[in-house]
Amino acid sequence: MRKILAVTFGLLFLLFAAFQYNDPDPEVWVPIYGAAAVACFMAYAGVARWWFFVGMALLYLVAAWYQRPPVFEGFMFSEVGMRSLNVELAREAGGLLICALAMGSLAWLTRQPLRR
């Protein structure tokens, strides 16, 4: 289960990073999603401990808290562009929460003994 989840989230975060090419600040978001992808592939290879993923999850949670919009207007998935700054901040905070969820799941799964 750990390896399937690690590869799935790793590929998803690589896709997230690739989608940042037309973002106004890709130098911020590509490393954020790239670090999440690297962490997922570390989980796949079994080279990171559970506490590493807990730390990553906490960092992403704190970042999501600071990135949250002052007024939540939704994510507006039907629109590609940015309708307002609040929508863009909600999308960015949502991406950080997905990263935190993935890191928390990997922390849980790496604490479990491997079943073969």
PDB file of N, CA and C in Angstrom:
ATOM      1  N   MET A   1       0.826  -1.205   0.000  1.00  0.00           N
ATOM      2  CA  MET A   1       0.000   0.000   0.000  1.00  0.00           C
ATOM      3  C   MET A   1       0.865   1.262   0.000  1.00  0.00           C
ATOM      4  N   ARG A   2       1.950   1.232   0.809  1.00  0.00           N
ATOM      5  CA  ARG A   2       2.841   2.392   0.902  1.00  0.00           C
ATOM      6  C   ARG A   2       3.444   2.725  -0.454  1.00  0.00           C
ATOM      7  N   LYS A   3       3.894   1.718  -1.174  1.00  0.00           N
ATOM      8  CA  LYS A   3       4.555   1.967  -2.459  1.00  0.00           C
ATOM      9  C   LYS A   3       3.567   2.486  -3.503  1.00  0.00           C
ATOM     10  N   ILE A   4       2.364   1.954  -3.508  1.00  0.00           N
ATOM     11  CA  ILE A   4       1.359   2.430  -4.459  1.00  0.00           C
ATOM     12  C   ILE A   4       1.009   3.884  -4.181  1.00  0.00           C
ATOM     13  N   LEU A   5       0.787   4.197  -2.907  1.00  0.00           N
ATOM     14  CA  LEU A   5       0.453   5.571  -2.533  1.00  0.00           C
ATOM     15  C   LEU A   5       1.622   6.516  -2.825  1.00  0.00           C
ATOM     16  N   ALA A   6       2.836   6.074  -2.542  1.00  0.00           N
ATOM     17  CA  ALA A   6       4.009   6.913  -2.770  1.00  0.00           C
ATOM     18  C   ALA A   6       4.178   7.239  -4.253  1.00  0.00           C
ATOM     19  N   VAL A   7       4.026   6.253  -5.107  1.00  0.00           N
ATOM     20  CA  VAL A   7       4.172   6.502  -6.549  1.00  0.00           C
ATOM     21  C   VAL A   7       3.029   7.378  -7.060  1.00  0.00           C
ATOM     22  N   THR A   8       1.820   7.097  -6.616  1.00  0.00           N
ATOM     23  CA  THR A   8       0.664   7.877  -7.064  1.00  0.00           C
ATOM     24  C   THR A   8       0.819   9.344  -6.684  1.00  0.00           C
ATOM     25  N   PHE A   9       1.115   9.610  -5.422  1.00  0.00           N
ATOM     26  CA  PHE A   9       1.285  10.997  -4.989  1.00  0.00           C
ATOM     27  C   PHE A   9       2.532  11.615  -5.617  1.00  0.00           C
ATOM     28  N   GLY A  10       3.601  10.855  -5.765  1.00  0.00           N
ATOM     29  CA  GLY A  10       4.820  11.382  -6.384  1.00  0.00           C
ATOM     30  C   GLY A  10       4.567  11.862  -7.803  1.00  0.00           C
ATOM     31  N   LEU A  11       3.862  11.054  -8.580  1.00  0.00           N
ATOM     32  CA  LEU A  11       3.531  11.459  -9.951  1.00  0.00           C
ATOM     33  C   LEU A  11       2.564  12.637  -9.966  1.00  0.00           C
ATOM     34  N   LEU A  12       1.626  12.652  -9.035  1.00  0.00           N
ATOM     35  CA  LEU A  12       0.689  13.768  -8.938  1.00  0.00           C
ATOM     36  C   LEU A  12       1.423  15.068  -8.632  1.00  0.00           C
ATOM     37  N   PHE A  13       2.380  15.026  -7.713  1.00  0.00           N
ATOM     38  CA  PHE A  13       3.120  16.242  -7.371  1.00  0.00           C
ATOM     39  C   PHE A  13       4.032  16.688  -8.504  1.00  0.00           C
ATOM     40  N   LEU A  14       4.558  15.747  -9.288  1.00  0.00           N
ATOM     41  CA  LEU A  14       5.317  16.139 -10.475  1.00  0.00           C
ATOM     42  C   LEU A  14       4.404  16.856 -11.467  1.00  0.00           C
ATOM     43  N   LEU A  15       3.181  16.365 -11.591  1.00  0.00           N
ATOM     44  CA  LEU A  15       2.202  17.018 -12.462  1.00  0.00           C
ATOM     45  C   LEU A  15       1.852  18.404 -11.931  1.00  0.00           C
ATOM     46  N   PHE A  16       1.655  18.512 -10.617  1.00  0.00           N
ATOM     47  CA  PHE A  16       1.393  19.823 -10.003  1.00  0.00           C
ATOM     48  C   PHE A  16       2.533  20.795 -10.322  1.00  0.00           C
ATOM     49  N   ALA A  17       3.768  20.325 -10.191  1.00  0.00           N
ATOM     50  CA  ALA A  17       4.931  21.179 -10.463  1.00  0.00           C
ATOM     51  C   ALA A  17       4.948  21.602 -11.931  1.00  0.00           C
ATOM     52  N   ALA A  18       4.615  20.684 -12.822  1.00  0.00           N
ATOM     53  CA  ALA A  18       4.610  21.007 -14.252  1.00  0.00           C
ATOM     54  C   ALA A  18       3.535  22.047 -14.575  1.00  0.00           C
ATOM     55  N   PHE A  19       2.420  22.016 -13.889  1.00  0.00           N
ATOM     56  CA  PHE A  19       1.351  22.982 -14.144  1.00  0.00           C
ATOM     57  C   PHE A  19       1.717  24.400 -13.698  1.00  0.00           C
ATOM     58  N   GLN A  20       2.798  24.538 -12.967  1.00  0.00           N
ATOM     59  CA  GLN A  20       3.186  25.856 -12.464  1.00  0.00           C
ATOM     60  C   GLN A  20       3.955  26.683 -13.482  1.00  0.00           C
ATOM     61  N   TYR A  21       4.210  26.143 -14.685  1.00  0.00           N
ATOM     62  CA  TYR A  21       5.029  26.865 -15.663  1.00  0.00           C
ATOM     63  C   TYR A  21       4.426  28.212 -16.044  1.00  0.00           C
ATOM     64  N   ASN A  22       3.111  28.356 -16.003  1.00  0.00           N
ATOM     65  CA  ASN A  22       2.495  29.634 -16.374  1.00  0.00           C
ATOM     66  C   ASN A  22       2.002  30.411 -15.157  1.00  0.00           C
ATOM     67  N   ASP A  23       2.386  29.984 -13.980  1.00  0.00           N
ATOM     68  CA  ASP A  23       1.995  30.680 -12.751  1.00  0.00           C
ATOM     69  C   ASP A  23       2.848  31.944 -12.612  1.00  0.00           C
ATOM     70  N   PRO A  24       2.312  32.976 -11.975  1.00  0.00           N
ATOM     71  CA  PRO A  24       3.111  34.202 -11.797  1.00  0.00           C
ATOM     72  C   PRO A  24       4.363  33.996 -10.933  1.00  0.00           C
ATOM     73  N   ASP A  25       4.359  32.981 -10.072  1.00  0.00           N
ATOM     74  CA  ASP A  25       5.512  32.751  -9.204  1.00  0.00           C
ATOM     75  C   ASP A  25       5.925  31.268  -9.195  1.00  0.00           C
ATOM     76  N   PRO A  26       6.361  30.747 -10.353  1.00  0.00           N
ATOM     77  CA  PRO A  26       6.729  29.327 -10.400  1.00  0.00           C
ATOM     78  C   PRO A  26       7.964  29.007  -9.558  1.00  0.00           C
ATOM     79  N   GLU A  27       8.818  30.001  -9.320  1.00  0.00           N
ATOM     80  CA  GLU A  27      10.020  29.745  -8.517  1.00  0.00           C
ATOM     81  C   GLU A  27       9.673  29.405  -7.072  1.00  0.00           C
ATOM     82  N   VAL A  28       8.465  29.694  -6.657  1.00  0.00           N
ATOM     83  CA  VAL A  28       8.004  29.317  -5.311  1.00  0.00           C
ATOM     84  C   VAL A  28       7.347  27.939  -5.338  1.00  0.00           C
ATOM     85  N   TRP A  29       6.469  27.718  -6.306  1.00  0.00           N
ATOM     86  CA  TRP A  29       5.620  26.536  -6.276  1.00  0.00           C
ATOM     87  C   TRP A  29       6.247  25.288  -6.865  1.00  0.00           C
ATOM     88  N   VAL A  30       7.130  25.423  -7.839  1.00  0.00           N
ATOM     89  CA  VAL A  30       7.791  24.230  -8.381  1.00  0.00           C
ATOM     90  C   VAL A  30       8.635  23.541  -7.301  1.00  0.00           C
ATOM     91  N   PRO A  31       9.441  24.262  -6.513  1.00  0.00           N
ATOM     92  CA  PRO A  31      10.175  23.583  -5.436  1.00  0.00           C
ATOM     93  C   PRO A  31       9.265  23.000  -4.344  1.00  0.00           C
ATOM     94  N   ILE A  32       8.153  23.653  -4.073  1.00  0.00           N
ATOM     95  CA  ILE A  32       7.235  23.132  -3.056  1.00  0.00           C
ATOM     96  C   ILE A  32       6.689  21.782  -3.485  1.00  0.00           C
ATOM     97  N   TYR A  33       6.189  21.697  -4.712  1.00  0.00           N
ATOM     98  CA  TYR A  33       5.651  20.429  -5.203  1.00  0.00           C
ATOM     99  C   TYR A  33       6.770  19.443  -5.540  1.00  0.00           C
ATOM    100  N   GLY A  34       7.913  19.960  -5.965  1.00  0.00           N
ATOM    101  CA  GLY A  34       9.052  19.082  -6.227  1.00  0.00           C
ATOM    102  C   GLY A  34       9.543  18.398  -4.970  1.00  0.00           C
ATOM    103  N   ALA A  35       9.581  19.133  -3.858  1.00  0.00           N
ATOM    104  CA  ALA A  35       9.993  18.529  -2.585  1.00  0.00           C
ATOM    105  C   ALA A  35       9.014  17.450  -2.150  1.00  0.00           C
ATOM    106  N   ALA A  36       7.738  17.683  -2.379  1.00  0.00           N
ATOM    107  CA  ALA A  36       6.740  16.663  -2.044  1.00  0.00           C
ATOM    108  C   ALA A  36       6.928  15.423  -2.908  1.00  0.00           C
ATOM    109  N   ALA A  37       7.227  15.621  -4.200  1.00  0.00           N
ATOM    110  CA  ALA A  37       7.456  14.483  -5.097  1.00  0.00           C
ATOM    111  C   ALA A  37       8.689  13.696  -4.660  1.00  0.00           C
ATOM    112  N   VAL A  38       9.762  14.396  -4.330  1.00  0.00           N
ATOM    113  CA  VAL A  38      10.987  13.723  -3.875  1.00  0.00           C
ATOM    114  C   VAL A  38      10.711  12.932  -2.594  1.00  0.00           C
ATOM    115  N   ALA A  39       9.967  13.523  -1.678  1.00  0.00           N
ATOM    116  CA  ALA A  39       9.630  12.825  -0.433  1.00  0.00           C
ATOM    117  C   ALA A  39       8.828  11.553  -0.721  1.00  0.00           C
ATOM    118  N   CYS A  40       7.917  11.640  -1.672  1.00  0.00           N
ATOM    119  CA  CYS A  40       7.126  10.449  -2.023  1.00  0.00           C
ATOM    120  C   CYS A  40       8.011   9.352  -2.594  1.00  0.00           C
ATOM    121  N   PHE A  41       8.958   9.727  -3.455  1.00  0.00           N
ATOM    122  CA  PHE A  41       9.842   8.718  -4.028  1.00  0.00           C
ATOM    123  C   PHE A  41      10.814   8.181  -2.984  1.00  0.00           C
ATOM    124  N   MET A  42      11.139   8.987  -1.970  1.00  0.00           N
ATOM    125  CA  MET A  42      11.923   8.483  -0.836  1.00  0.00           C
ATOM    126  C   MET A  42      11.124   7.442  -0.064  1.00  0.00           C
ATOM    127  N   ALA A  43       9.820   7.677   0.091  1.00  0.00           N
ATOM    128  CA  ALA A  43       8.960   6.692   0.762  1.00  0.00           C
ATOM    129  C   ALA A  43       8.890   5.409  -0.048  1.00  0.00           C
ATOM    130  N   TYR A  44       8.816   5.549  -1.361  1.00  0.00           N
ATOM    131  CA  TYR A  44       8.783   4.372  -2.228  1.00  0.00           C
ATOM    132  C   TYR A  44      10.054   3.534  -2.044  1.00  0.00           C
ATOM    133  N   ALA A  45      11.202   4.224  -1.987  1.00  0.00           N
ATOM    134  CA  ALA A  45      12.479   3.526  -1.843  1.00  0.00           C
ATOM    135  C   ALA A  45      12.740   3.076  -0.412  1.00  0.00           C
ATOM    136  N   GLY A  46      11.968   3.586   0.529  1.00  0.00           N
ATOM    137  CA  GLY A  46      12.144   3.204   1.927  1.00  0.00           C
ATOM    138  C   GLY A  46      13.369   3.828   2.577  1.00  0.00           C
ATOM    139  N   VAL A  47      13.751   5.022   2.134  1.00  0.00           N
ATOM    140  CA  VAL A  47      14.959   5.651   2.672  1.00  0.00           C
ATOM    141  C   VAL A  47      14.673   6.777   3.669  1.00  0.00           C
ATOM    142  N   ALA A  48      13.424   6.986   4.028  1.00  0.00           N
ATOM    143  CA  ALA A  48      13.085   8.043   4.988  1.00  0.00           C
ATOM    144  C   ALA A  48      12.302   7.432   6.154  1.00  0.00           C
ATOM    145  N   ARG A  49      12.488   8.011   7.300  1.00  0.00           N
ATOM    146  CA  ARG A  49      11.788   7.558   8.509  1.00  0.00           C
ATOM    147  C   ARG A  49      10.447   8.263   8.635  1.00  0.00           C
ATOM    148  N   TRP A  50       9.598   7.712   9.504  1.00  0.00           N
ATOM    149  CA  TRP A  50       8.257   8.261   9.683  1.00  0.00           C
ATOM    150  C   TRP A  50       8.296   9.701  10.156  1.00  0.00           C
ATOM    151  N   TRP A  51       9.240  10.067  11.023  1.00  0.00           N
ATOM    152  CA  TRP A  51       9.284  11.419  11.576  1.00  0.00           C
ATOM    153  C   TRP A  51       9.635  12.462  10.515  1.00  0.00           C
ATOM    154  N   PHE A  52      10.347  12.064   9.460  1.00  0.00           N
ATOM    155  CA  PHE A  52      10.628  12.969   8.354  1.00  0.00           C
ATOM    156  C   PHE A  52       9.313  13.404   7.695  1.00  0.00           C
ATOM    157  N   PHE A  53       8.424  12.441   7.477  1.00  0.00           N
ATOM    158  CA  PHE A  53       7.141  12.744   6.839  1.00  0.00           C
ATOM    159  C   PHE A  53       6.229  13.543   7.775  1.00  0.00           C
ATOM    160  N   VAL A  54       6.318  13.293   9.070  1.00  0.00           N
ATOM    161  CA  VAL A  54       5.562  14.101  10.032  1.00  0.00           C
ATOM    162  C   VAL A  54       6.032  15.561   9.965  1.00  0.00           C
ATOM    163  N   GLY A  55       7.345  15.753   9.913  1.00  0.00           N
ATOM    164  CA  GLY A  55       7.882  17.107   9.798  1.00  0.00           C
ATOM    165  C   GLY A  55       7.447  17.798   8.518  1.00  0.00           C
ATOM    166  N   MET A  56       7.486  17.055   7.416  1.00  0.00           N
ATOM    167  CA  MET A  56       7.029  17.624   6.137  1.00  0.00           C
ATOM    168  C   MET A  56       5.543  17.987   6.209  1.00  0.00           C
ATOM    169  N   ALA A  57       4.749  17.097   6.791  1.00  0.00           N
ATOM    170  CA  ALA A  57       3.306  17.363   6.908  1.00  0.00           C
ATOM    171  C   ALA A  57       3.059  18.623   7.735  1.00  0.00           C
ATOM    172  N   LEU A  58       3.795  18.777   8.828  1.00  0.00           N
ATOM    173  CA  LEU A  58       3.629  19.974   9.661  1.00  0.00           C
ATOM    174  C   LEU A  58       4.029  21.238   8.907  1.00  0.00           C
ATOM    175  N   LEU A  59       5.120  21.173   8.146  1.00  0.00           N
ATOM    176  CA  LEU A  59       5.534  22.334   7.353  1.00  0.00           C
ATOM    177  C   LEU A  59       4.467  22.718   6.330  1.00  0.00           C
ATOM    178  N   TYR A  60       3.906  21.716   5.662  1.00  0.00           N
ATOM    179  CA  TYR A  60       2.863  22.003   4.681  1.00  0.00           C
ATOM    180  C   TYR A  60       1.595  22.533   5.347  1.00  0.00           C
ATOM    181  N   LEU A  61       1.270  22.033   6.527  1.00  0.00           N
ATOM    182  CA  LEU A  61       0.091  22.541   7.242  1.00  0.00           C
ATOM    183  C   LEU A  61       0.267  23.999   7.648  1.00  0.00           C
ATOM    184  N   VAL A  62       1.436  24.325   8.160  1.00  0.00           N
ATOM    185  CA  VAL A  62       1.716  25.714   8.549  1.00  0.00           C
ATOM    186  C   VAL A  62       1.673  26.617   7.325  1.00  0.00           C
ATOM    187  N   ALA A  63       2.268  26.162   6.224  1.00  0.00           N
ATOM    188  CA  ALA A  63       2.250  26.963   4.991  1.00  0.00           C
ATOM    189  C   ALA A  63       0.819  27.161   4.489  1.00  0.00           C
ATOM    190  N   ALA A  64       0.001  26.112   4.564  1.00  0.00           N
ATOM    191  CA  ALA A  64      -1.394  26.227   4.125  1.00  0.00           C
ATOM    192  C   ALA A  64      -2.154  27.220   4.997  1.00  0.00           C
ATOM    193  N   TRP A  65      -1.874  27.213   6.292  1.00  0.00           N
ATOM    194  CA  TRP A  65      -2.535  28.145   7.207  1.00  0.00           C
ATOM    195  C   TRP A  65      -2.188  29.589   6.831  1.00  0.00           C
ATOM    196  N   TYR A  66      -0.931  29.854   6.543  1.00  0.00           N
ATOM    197  CA  TYR A  66      -0.530  31.215   6.188  1.00  0.00           C
ATOM    198  C   TYR A  66      -0.963  31.605   4.781  1.00  0.00           C
ATOM    199  N   GLN A  67      -1.219  30.627   3.925  1.00  0.00           N
ATOM    200  CA  GLN A  67      -1.619  30.893   2.543  1.00  0.00           C
ATOM    201  C   GLN A  67      -3.131  31.023   2.381  1.00  0.00           C
ATOM    202  N   ARG A  68      -3.876  30.706   3.426  1.00  0.00           N
ATOM    203  CA  ARG A  68      -5.338  30.712   3.307  1.00  0.00           C
ATOM    204  C   ARG A  68      -5.837  32.107   2.943  1.00  0.00           C
ATOM    205  N   PRO A  69      -6.934  32.161   2.196  1.00  0.00           N
ATOM    206  CA  PRO A  69      -7.465  33.475   1.798  1.00  0.00           C
ATOM    207  C   PRO A  69      -8.196  34.152   2.954  1.00  0.00           C
ATOM    208  N   PRO A  70      -8.218  35.483   2.980  1.00  0.00           N
ATOM    209  CA  PRO A  70      -8.959  36.189   4.023  1.00  0.00           C
ATOM    210  C   PRO A  70     -10.458  35.917   3.932  1.00  0.00           C
ATOM    211  N   VAL A  71     -10.954  35.777   2.699  1.00  0.00           N
ATOM    212  CA  VAL A  71     -12.362  35.460   2.464  1.00  0.00           C
ATOM    213  C   VAL A  71     -12.405  34.300   1.485  1.00  0.00           C
ATOM    214  N   PHE A  72     -12.982  33.182   1.907  1.00  0.00           N
ATOM    215  CA  PHE A  72     -13.031  32.011   1.032  1.00  0.00           C
ATOM    216  C   PHE A  72     -14.137  32.187  -0.006  1.00  0.00           C
ATOM    217  N   GLU A  73     -13.743  32.212  -1.286  1.00  0.00           N
ATOM    218  CA  GLU A  73     -14.697  32.357  -2.380  1.00  0.00           C
ATOM    219  C   GLU A  73     -14.800  31.084  -3.208  1.00  0.00           C
ATOM    220  N   GLY A  74     -14.204  30.023  -2.732  1.00  0.00           N
ATOM    221  CA  GLY A  74     -14.224  28.763  -3.463  1.00  0.00           C
ATOM    222  C   GLY A  74     -12.957  28.569  -4.266  1.00  0.00           C
ATOM    223  N   PHE A  75     -12.946  27.463  -5.032  1.00  0.00           N
ATOM    224  CA  PHE A  75     -11.786  27.132  -5.847  1.00  0.00           C
ATOM    225  C   PHE A  75     -12.017  27.430  -7.322  1.00  0.00           C
ATOM    226  N   MET A  76     -13.293  27.540  -7.730  1.00  0.00           N
ATOM    227  CA  MET A  76     -13.659  27.853  -9.106  1.00  0.00           C
ATOM    228  C   MET A  76     -12.957  26.934 -10.103  1.00  0.00           C
ATOM    229  N   PHE A  77     -13.192  25.620  -9.975  1.00  0.00           N
ATOM    230  CA  PHE A  77     -12.555  24.649 -10.858  1.00  0.00           C
ATOM    231  C   PHE A  77     -13.037  24.776 -12.301  1.00  0.00           C
ATOM    232  N   SER A  78     -14.188  25.392 -12.511  1.00  0.00           N
ATOM    233  CA  SER A  78     -14.714  25.520 -13.869  1.00  0.00           C
ATOM    234  C   SER A  78     -13.966  26.585 -14.671  1.00  0.00           C
ATOM    235  N   GLU A  79     -13.173  27.397 -13.995  1.00  0.00           N
ATOM    236  CA  GLU A  79     -12.423  28.452 -14.659  1.00  0.00           C
ATOM    237  C   GLU A  79     -10.936  28.161 -14.572  1.00  0.00           C
ATOM    238  N   VAL A  80     -10.218  28.399 -15.654  1.00  0.00           N
ATOM    239  CA  VAL A  80      -8.774  28.194 -15.647  1.00  0.00           C
ATOM    240  C   VAL A  80      -8.072  29.402 -15.055  1.00  0.00           C
ATOM    241  N   GLY A  81      -8.537  30.569 -15.383  1.00  0.00           N
ATOM    242  CA  GLY A  81      -7.906  31.800 -14.916  1.00  0.00           C
ATOM    243  C   GLY A  81      -8.226  32.110 -13.469  1.00  0.00           C
ATOM    244  N   MET A  82      -7.646  33.207 -13.005  1.00  0.00           N
ATOM    245  CA  MET A  82      -7.845  33.628 -11.626  1.00  0.00           C
ATOM    246  C   MET A  82      -8.915  34.708 -11.597  1.00  0.00           C
ATOM    247  N   ARG A  83     -10.049  34.394 -10.967  1.00  0.00           N
ATOM    248  CA  ARG A  83     -11.129  35.379 -10.872  1.00  0.00           C
ATOM    249  C   ARG A  83     -10.811  36.437  -9.831  1.00  0.00           C
ATOM    250  N   SER A  84     -10.222  36.014  -8.724  1.00  0.00           N
ATOM    251  CA  SER A  84      -9.841  36.962  -7.679  1.00  0.00           C
ATOM    252  C   SER A  84      -8.650  36.400  -6.908  1.00  0.00           C
ATOM    253  N   LEU A  85      -8.032  37.250  -6.131  1.00  0.00           N
ATOM    254  CA  LEU A  85      -6.888  36.826  -5.328  1.00  0.00           C
ATOM    255  C   LEU A  85      -7.311  35.773  -4.308  1.00  0.00           C
ATOM    256  N   ASN A  86      -8.529  35.883  -3.777  1.00  0.00           N
ATOM    257  CA  ASN A  86      -9.006  34.913  -2.796  1.00  0.00           C
ATOM    258  C   ASN A  86      -9.116  33.514  -3.398  1.00  0.00           C
ATOM    259  N   VAL A  87      -9.537  33.416  -4.645  1.00  0.00           N
ATOM    260  CA  VAL A  87      -9.628  32.111  -5.310  1.00  0.00           C
ATOM    261  C   VAL A  87      -8.234  31.535  -5.498  1.00  0.00           C
ATOM    262  N   GLU A  88      -7.293  32.373  -5.923  1.00  0.00           N
ATOM    263  CA  GLU A  88      -5.917  31.897  -6.116  1.00  0.00           C
ATOM    264  C   GLU A  88      -5.305  31.444  -4.796  1.00  0.00           C
ATOM    265  N   LEU A  89      -5.521  32.187  -3.724  1.00  0.00           N
ATOM    266  CA  LEU A  89      -4.998  31.789  -2.419  1.00  0.00           C
ATOM    267  C   LEU A  89      -5.644  30.493  -1.934  1.00  0.00           C
ATOM    268  N   ALA A  90      -6.926  30.321  -2.207  1.00  0.00           N
ATOM    269  CA  ALA A  90      -7.608  29.081  -1.822  1.00  0.00           C
ATOM    270  C   ALA A  90      -7.033  27.896  -2.582  1.00  0.00           C
ATOM    271  N   ARG A  91      -6.749  28.078  -3.869  1.00  0.00           N
ATOM    272  CA  ARG A  91      -6.144  26.995  -4.650  1.00  0.00           C
ATOM    273  C   ARG A  91      -4.764  26.644  -4.129  1.00  0.00           C
ATOM    274  N   GLU A  92      -3.984  27.660  -3.816  1.00  0.00           N
ATOM    275  CA  GLU A  92      -2.638  27.414  -3.310  1.00  0.00           C
ATOM    276  C   GLU A  92      -2.679  26.729  -1.941  1.00  0.00           C
ATOM    277  N   ALA A  93      -3.560  27.185  -1.065  1.00  0.00           N
ATOM    278  CA  ALA A  93      -3.706  26.547   0.247  1.00  0.00           C
ATOM    279  C   ALA A  93      -4.208  25.115   0.093  1.00  0.00           C
ATOM    280  N   GLY A  94      -5.099  24.897  -0.858  1.00  0.00           N
ATOM    281  CA  GLY A  94      -5.590  23.543  -1.113  1.00  0.00           C
ATOM    282  C   GLY A  94      -4.486  22.611  -1.582  1.00  0.00           C
ATOM    283  N   GLY A  95      -3.622  23.103  -2.447  1.00  0.00           N
ATOM    284  CA  GLY A  95      -2.482  22.298  -2.888  1.00  0.00           C
ATOM    285  C   GLY A  95      -1.553  21.945  -1.735  1.00  0.00           C
ATOM    286  N   LEU A  96      -1.337  22.907  -0.853  1.00  0.00           N
ATOM    287  CA  LEU A  96      -0.496  22.650   0.322  1.00  0.00           C
ATOM    288  C   LEU A  96      -1.159  21.641   1.263  1.00  0.00           C
ATOM    289  N   LEU A  97      -2.474  21.699   1.377  1.00  0.00           N
ATOM    290  CA  LEU A  97      -3.184  20.717   2.204  1.00  0.00           C
ATOM    291  C   LEU A  97      -3.105  19.320   1.600  1.00  0.00           C
ATOM    292  N   ILE A  98      -3.140  19.227   0.282  1.00  0.00           N
ATOM    293  CA  ILE A  98      -2.965  17.917  -0.366  1.00  0.00           C
ATOM    294  C   ILE A  98      -1.572  17.372  -0.063  1.00  0.00           C
ATOM    295  N   CYS A  99      -0.572  18.242  -0.116  1.00  0.00           N
ATOM    296  CA  CYS A  99       0.794  17.826   0.242  1.00  0.00           C
ATOM    297  C   CYS A  99       0.851  17.344   1.687  1.00  0.00           C
ATOM    298  N   ALA A 100       0.216  18.075   2.592  1.00  0.00           N
ATOM    299  CA  ALA A 100       0.210  17.691   4.005  1.00  0.00           C
ATOM    300  C   ALA A 100      -0.487  16.356   4.201  1.00  0.00           C
ATOM    301  N   LEU A 101      -1.594  16.146   3.518  1.00  0.00           N
ATOM    302  CA  LEU A 101      -2.319  14.878   3.611  1.00  0.00           C
ATOM    303  C   LEU A 101      -1.460  13.718   3.117  1.00  0.00           C
ATOM    304  N   ALA A 102      -0.781  13.927   2.004  1.00  0.00           N
ATOM    305  CA  ALA A 102       0.088  12.876   1.466  1.00  0.00           C
ATOM    306  C   ALA A 102       1.223  12.562   2.443  1.00  0.00           C
ATOM    307  N   MET A 103       1.848  13.597   2.988  1.00  0.00           N
ATOM    308  CA  MET A 103       2.962  13.371   3.916  1.00  0.00           C
ATOM    309  C   MET A 103       2.482  12.689   5.201  1.00  0.00           C
ATOM    310  N   GLY A 104       1.309  13.084   5.681  1.00  0.00           N
ATOM    311  CA  GLY A 104       0.750  12.418   6.864  1.00  0.00           C
ATOM    312  C   GLY A 104       0.439  10.957   6.599  1.00  0.00           C
ATOM    313  N   SER A 105      -0.091  10.669   5.423  1.00  0.00           N
ATOM    314  CA  SER A 105      -0.376   9.273   5.066  1.00  0.00           C
ATOM    315  C   SER A 105       0.905   8.465   4.965  1.00  0.00           C
ATOM    316  N   LEU A 106       1.930   9.045   4.363  1.00  0.00           N
ATOM    317  CA  LEU A 106       3.199   8.333   4.248  1.00  0.00           C
ATOM    318  C   LEU A 106       3.847   8.141   5.612  1.00  0.00           C
ATOM    319  N   ALA A 107       3.687   9.117   6.504  1.00  0.00           N
ATOM    320  CA  ALA A 107       4.208   8.952   7.865  1.00  0.00           C
ATOM    321  C   ALA A 107       3.535   7.766   8.540  1.00  0.00           C
ATOM    322  N   TRP A 108       2.240   7.673   8.402  1.00  0.00           N
ATOM    323  CA  TRP A 108       1.500   6.568   9.003  1.00  0.00           C
ATOM    324  C   TRP A 108       1.931   5.223   8.403  1.00  0.00           C
ATOM    325  N   LEU A 109       2.050   5.186   7.116  1.00  0.00           N
ATOM    326  CA  LEU A 109       2.378   3.931   6.446  1.00  0.00           C
ATOM    327  C   LEU A 109       3.827   3.498   6.656  1.00  0.00           C
ATOM    328  N   THR A 110       4.742   4.444   6.838  1.00  0.00           N
ATOM    329  CA  THR A 110       6.132   4.048   7.080  1.00  0.00           C
ATOM    330  C   THR A 110       6.349   3.625   8.523  1.00  0.00           C
ATOM    331  N   ARG A 111       5.442   3.960   9.416  1.00  0.00           N
ATOM    332  CA  ARG A 111       5.537   3.489  10.799  1.00  0.00           C
ATOM    333  C   ARG A 111       5.093   2.047  10.938  1.00  0.00           C
ATOM    334  N   GLN A 112       4.268   1.606  10.015  1.00  0.00           N
ATOM    335  CA  GLN A 112       3.752   0.247  10.061  1.00  0.00           C
ATOM    336  C   GLN A 112       4.849  -0.720   9.606  1.00  0.00           C
ATOM    337  N   PRO A 113       4.892  -1.911  10.206  1.00  0.00           N
ATOM    338  CA  PRO A 113       5.871  -2.891   9.735  1.00  0.00           C
ATOM    339  C   PRO A 113       5.505  -3.328   8.316  1.00  0.00           C
ATOM    340  N   LEU A 114       6.529  -3.527   7.505  1.00  0.00           N
ATOM    341  CA  LEU A 114       6.305  -3.941   6.130  1.00  0.00           C
ATOM    342  C   LEU A 114       5.799  -5.369   6.092  1.00  0.00           C
ATOM    343  N   ARG A 115       4.779  -5.576   5.295  1.00  0.00           N
ATOM    344  CA  ARG A 115       4.230  -6.929   5.108  1.00  0.00           C
ATOM    345  C   ARG A 115       4.664  -7.418   3.743  1.00  0.00           C
ATOM    346  N   ARG A 116       5.182  -8.608   3.705  1.00  0.00           N
ATOM    347  CA  ARG A 116       5.620  -9.151   2.420  1.00  0.00           C
ATOM    348  C   ARG A 116       4.917 -10.420   2.124  1.00  0.00           C
TER     349      ARG A 116
END
